[in-house]
Amino acid sequence: MTDIPAKTRQIAPLRTPTDLGADATRDIAAALTTLLADVFALYLKTKNFHWHLSGPHFRDYHLMLDEQGEQIFAMTDDIAERARKVGGTTLRSIGHIARLQRIADNDAEYVTAQDMLAELAQDNQQLTAALRSTHAVCDEYNDVATASVLENWIDQTERRTWFLYESSRSNH
């Protein structure tokens, strides 16, 4: 422990050692942070719809959205930690999420189950595009580790889109 008073100590910036250059750190961390805002927005919307579902397929949809919410939430820590591992920083607050998110909130008092599923399918498609865009940034700087985990999330997100789409189709 040091005897230097906290007010006079130099605070070291959050610089994680990396072999990626400053441009790579800046661009990859920024892409991951924006992606993380989208993932949190999608997570909360998925849980919102999970909590407010009603109708004849309630149990099946409720369980599916709960499972999808868990899968989406599981991405959050890994995304944030990738930003830190490449030498950057990431989200710091709900306000930060709100400023960056590209997936729209849905604060409607009532949404039909079919509309919930269709909206979440579109949002997951939008997230897939964001994941691919982030992957392109990682490819530009040869960040194969981040690109690798993004590929798994692309597959998971495409699967969620497929399930939501098939569940929302009418049987006519």
Protein backbone atom coordinates (compact mmCIF):
# COMPACT_ATOMS: atom_id res chain seq x y z
CA MET A 1 0.00 0.00 0.00
CA THR A 2 1.30 3.43 -0.82
CA ASP A 3 1.43 6.40 1.54
CA ILE A 4 0.53 8.88 -1.20
CA PRO A 5 -2.87 10.47 -0.54
CA ALA A 6 -5.51 9.44 -3.06
CA LYS A 7 -6.02 13.02 -4.27
CA THR A 8 -2.39 13.40 -5.32
CA ARG A 9 -1.86 9.94 -6.83
CA GLN A 10 -1.65 9.70 -10.59
CA ILE A 11 -4.50 7.57 -11.90
CA ALA A 12 -3.32 5.23 -14.64
CA PRO A 13 -5.59 5.21 -17.67
CA LEU A 14 -7.33 1.98 -18.62
CA ARG A 15 -4.81 0.81 -21.17
CA THR A 16 -4.86 -2.94 -21.57
CA PRO A 17 -1.67 -4.10 -23.32
CA THR A 18 -2.39 -5.25 -26.88
CA ASP A 19 -0.46 -5.75 -30.08
CA LEU A 20 -3.26 -4.01 -31.99
CA GLY A 21 -2.51 -0.44 -32.94
CA ALA A 22 -4.25 2.65 -31.56
CA ASP A 23 -6.57 2.86 -34.58
CA ALA A 24 -7.58 -0.77 -34.17
CA THR A 25 -8.21 -0.32 -30.46
CA ARG A 26 -10.32 2.77 -31.09
CA ASP A 27 -12.36 1.34 -33.97
CA ILE A 28 -12.90 -2.17 -32.61
CA ALA A 29 -13.81 -0.96 -29.12
CA ALA A 30 -16.22 1.61 -30.59
CA ALA A 31 -17.87 -1.02 -32.80
CA LEU A 32 -18.15 -3.43 -29.87
CA THR A 33 -19.56 -0.76 -27.56
CA THR A 34 -22.26 0.18 -30.08
CA LEU A 35 -22.97 -3.52 -30.62
CA LEU A 36 -23.26 -3.95 -26.85
CA ALA A 37 -25.83 -1.14 -26.68
CA ASP A 38 -27.87 -2.94 -29.34
CA VAL A 39 -27.60 -6.25 -27.49
CA PHE A 40 -28.82 -4.67 -24.24
CA ALA A 41 -31.71 -2.99 -26.12
CA LEU A 42 -32.68 -6.31 -27.72
CA TYR A 43 -32.36 -8.12 -24.41
CA LEU A 44 -34.68 -5.71 -22.65
CA LYS A 45 -37.20 -5.76 -25.50
CA THR A 46 -37.16 -9.57 -25.51
CA LYS A 47 -37.79 -9.62 -21.76
CA ASN A 48 -40.48 -6.92 -22.11
CA PHE A 49 -42.32 -9.09 -24.62
CA HIS A 50 -41.70 -12.21 -22.50
CA TRP A 51 -43.32 -10.48 -19.50
CA HIS A 52 -46.26 -9.06 -21.44
CA LEU A 53 -47.21 -11.95 -23.74
CA SER A 54 -50.78 -13.17 -23.85
CA GLY A 55 -52.83 -15.44 -26.05
CA PRO A 56 -53.33 -19.08 -26.98
CA HIS A 57 -49.62 -19.88 -27.48
CA PHE A 58 -48.58 -18.10 -24.30
CA ARG A 59 -46.59 -20.93 -22.73
CA ASP A 60 -44.57 -21.80 -25.86
CA TYR A 61 -43.80 -18.16 -26.72
CA HIS A 62 -43.10 -17.25 -23.08
CA LEU A 63 -40.55 -20.07 -22.79
CA MET A 64 -38.98 -19.31 -26.18
CA LEU A 65 -38.52 -15.62 -25.35
CA ASP A 66 -37.11 -16.48 -21.93
CA GLU A 67 -34.57 -18.80 -23.57
CA GLN A 68 -33.72 -16.18 -26.18
CA GLY A 69 -33.36 -13.48 -23.53
CA GLU A 70 -30.88 -15.64 -21.63
CA GLN A 71 -28.89 -16.24 -24.80
CA ILE A 72 -28.82 -12.53 -25.65
CA PHE A 73 -27.83 -11.53 -22.11
CA ALA A 74 -25.02 -14.11 -22.16
CA MET A 75 -23.40 -12.13 -24.99
CA THR A 76 -23.13 -8.91 -22.98
CA ASP A 77 -20.19 -9.69 -20.73
CA ASP A 78 -18.20 -11.27 -23.55
CA ILE A 79 -18.73 -8.23 -25.80
CA ALA A 80 -17.69 -5.80 -23.06
CA GLU A 81 -14.66 -7.90 -22.15
CA ARG A 82 -13.56 -8.10 -25.80
CA ALA A 83 -13.58 -4.27 -25.91
CA ARG A 84 -11.38 -4.22 -22.80
CA LYS A 85 -9.08 -7.00 -24.08
CA VAL A 86 -8.28 -5.01 -27.23
CA GLY A 87 -7.35 -1.99 -25.12
CA GLY A 88 -10.58 0.01 -25.20
CA THR A 89 -13.40 0.79 -22.81
CA THR A 90 -17.10 0.14 -23.10
CA LEU A 91 -20.55 1.10 -21.80
CA ARG A 92 -20.82 2.85 -18.49
CA SER A 93 -24.56 3.49 -17.99
CA ILE A 94 -28.13 3.07 -19.21
CA GLY A 95 -27.83 6.60 -20.65
CA HIS A 96 -24.80 5.49 -22.63
CA ILE A 97 -26.84 2.59 -24.04
CA ALA A 98 -29.67 4.95 -24.98
CA ARG A 99 -27.29 7.24 -26.86
CA LEU A 100 -25.80 4.39 -28.91
CA GLN A 101 -28.53 1.81 -29.46
CA ARG A 102 -29.84 1.31 -32.98
CA ILE A 103 -32.53 -1.21 -32.05
CA ALA A 104 -35.70 0.71 -31.25
CA ASP A 105 -37.48 0.33 -27.94
CA ASN A 106 -41.13 -0.66 -27.81
CA ASP A 107 -42.98 1.03 -24.97
CA ALA A 108 -46.46 0.26 -26.28
CA GLU A 109 -49.02 -0.64 -23.65
CA TYR A 110 -50.22 -3.66 -25.67
CA VAL A 111 -48.61 -5.59 -28.53
CA THR A 112 -50.10 -8.78 -29.95
CA ALA A 113 -48.03 -11.93 -29.65
CA GLN A 114 -47.70 -12.15 -33.44
CA ASP A 115 -46.49 -8.55 -33.64
CA MET A 116 -44.01 -9.20 -30.81
CA LEU A 117 -42.52 -12.17 -32.63
CA ALA A 118 -42.38 -10.33 -35.95
CA GLU A 119 -40.72 -7.29 -34.37
CA LEU A 120 -38.17 -9.42 -32.55
CA ALA A 121 -37.42 -11.31 -35.78
CA GLN A 122 -36.69 -7.99 -37.52
CA ASP A 123 -34.60 -6.80 -34.57
CA ASN A 124 -32.56 -9.99 -34.62
CA GLN A 125 -32.00 -9.52 -38.35
CA GLN A 126 -30.82 -5.99 -37.60
CA LEU A 127 -28.49 -7.38 -34.93
CA THR A 128 -27.10 -9.90 -37.43
CA ALA A 129 -26.23 -7.01 -39.76
CA ALA A 130 -24.55 -5.17 -36.86
CA LEU A 131 -22.58 -8.29 -35.95
CA ARG A 132 -21.41 -8.64 -39.57
CA SER A 133 -20.44 -4.97 -39.67
CA THR A 134 -18.43 -5.35 -36.46
CA HIS A 135 -16.82 -8.48 -37.94
CA ALA A 136 -15.70 -6.41 -40.94
CA VAL A 137 -14.00 -3.92 -38.60
CA CYS A 138 -12.22 -6.80 -36.86
CA ASP A 139 -11.16 -8.26 -40.22
CA GLU A 140 -9.71 -4.90 -41.24
CA TYR A 141 -7.35 -5.01 -38.24
CA ASN A 142 -6.76 -8.78 -38.20
CA ASP A 143 -8.50 -9.20 -34.83
CA VAL A 144 -9.24 -12.89 -35.34
CA ALA A 145 -10.24 -13.55 -31.72
CA THR A 146 -13.09 -11.03 -31.77
CA ALA A 147 -14.10 -12.09 -35.29
CA SER A 148 -14.29 -15.69 -34.11
CA VAL A 149 -16.72 -15.00 -31.27
CA LEU A 150 -18.77 -12.74 -33.55
CA GLU A 151 -19.22 -15.67 -35.94
CA ASN A 152 -20.79 -17.74 -33.16
CA TRP A 153 -23.11 -14.87 -32.23
CA ILE A 154 -24.12 -14.44 -35.88
CA ASP A 155 -25.13 -18.10 -35.96
CA GLN A 156 -27.08 -17.78 -32.69
CA THR A 157 -28.81 -14.62 -33.88
CA GLU A 158 -29.77 -16.18 -37.20
CA ARG A 159 -31.24 -19.12 -35.29
CA ARG A 160 -33.32 -16.77 -33.12
CA THR A 161 -34.53 -14.98 -36.25
CA TRP A 162 -35.53 -18.30 -37.81
CA PHE A 163 -37.45 -19.46 -34.70
CA LEU A 164 -39.23 -16.12 -34.37
CA TYR A 165 -40.11 -16.03 -38.05
CA GLU A 166 -41.44 -19.59 -38.10
CA SER A 167 -43.38 -19.02 -34.87
CA SER A 168 -45.02 -15.87 -36.24
CA ARG A 169 -46.17 -17.37 -39.57
CA SER A 170 -49.86 -17.83 -40.02
CA ASN A 171 -51.07 -21.29 -40.92
CA HIS A 172 -53.36 -20.09 -43.71
